[in-house]
Protein backbone atom coordinates (compact mmCIF):
# COMPACT_ATOMS: atom_id res chain seq x y z
CA UNK A 1 10.08 -8.27 -40.04
CA UNK A 2 10.17 -7.39 -36.35
CA UNK A 3 13.30 -6.05 -34.74
CA UNK A 4 14.21 -7.85 -31.51
CA UNK A 5 15.49 -5.63 -28.75
CA UNK A 6 18.36 -7.04 -26.66
CA UNK A 7 16.23 -6.37 -23.56
CA UNK A 8 13.46 -8.62 -24.93
CA UNK A 9 15.71 -11.64 -25.37
CA UNK A 10 15.78 -14.21 -22.60
CA UNK A 11 18.75 -13.75 -20.30
CA UNK A 12 21.31 -16.53 -20.37
CA UNK A 13 21.49 -18.23 -16.97
CA UNK A 14 24.78 -17.65 -15.23
CA UNK A 15 26.67 -20.90 -14.76
CA UNK A 16 30.15 -21.68 -13.63
CA UNK A 17 32.29 -24.72 -14.10
CA UNK A 18 35.10 -25.30 -11.62
CA UNK A 19 38.43 -24.67 -13.34
CA UNK A 20 36.83 -22.72 -16.19
CA UNK A 21 38.99 -20.19 -18.06
CA UNK A 22 38.32 -16.73 -16.58
CA UNK A 23 40.28 -14.40 -18.86
CA UNK A 24 37.35 -13.63 -21.17
CA UNK A 25 34.91 -12.78 -18.35
CA UNK A 26 34.15 -9.19 -17.38
CA UNK A 27 34.31 -7.89 -13.82
CA UNK A 28 30.49 -7.97 -13.72
CA UNK A 29 30.42 -11.59 -14.90
CA UNK A 30 33.02 -12.57 -12.31
CA UNK A 31 30.95 -10.86 -9.60
CA UNK A 32 27.83 -12.72 -10.73
CA UNK A 33 29.68 -16.03 -10.60
CA UNK A 34 31.05 -15.28 -7.14
CA UNK A 35 27.52 -14.55 -5.92
CA UNK A 36 26.25 -17.72 -7.60
CA UNK A 37 28.88 -19.75 -5.78
CA UNK A 38 28.18 -18.04 -2.43
CA UNK A 39 24.48 -18.83 -2.84
CA UNK A 40 25.31 -22.45 -3.65
CA UNK A 41 27.60 -22.74 -0.62
CA UNK A 42 24.80 -21.39 1.60
CA UNK A 43 22.38 -23.92 0.09
CA UNK A 44 24.82 -26.78 0.68
CA UNK A 45 25.49 -25.70 4.27
CA UNK A 46 21.76 -25.44 5.01
CA UNK A 47 21.18 -28.95 3.66
CA UNK A 48 24.13 -30.28 5.66
CA UNK A 49 22.69 -28.71 8.84
CA UNK A 50 19.30 -30.32 8.18
CA UNK A 51 20.96 -33.70 7.69
CA UNK A 52 23.03 -33.31 10.88
CA UNK A 53 19.86 -32.47 12.81
CA UNK A 54 18.03 -35.45 11.33
CA UNK A 55 20.93 -37.75 12.15
CA UNK A 56 21.14 -36.38 15.69
CA UNK A 57 17.41 -36.94 16.22
CA UNK A 58 17.71 -40.51 14.93
CA UNK A 59 20.72 -41.17 17.17
CA UNK A 60 18.77 -39.93 20.19
CA UNK A 61 15.78 -42.10 19.28
CA UNK A 62 17.87 -45.23 18.81
CA UNK A 63 20.27 -44.45 21.64
CA UNK A 64 22.05 -47.56 22.82
């Protein structure tokens, strides 16, 4: 029977649910979640910028 090293196991993807209980999380886990949320905010802002630009271009094309 083979022994499985902890390093060989697939890493659990970090996820966060808004309002989730935080008391059982380590400082490292909290830091990972903060980074996850910062990355998500950046992704949302980039998409919002693209949509604003698209809307602006459409408004200019169909200018009344």
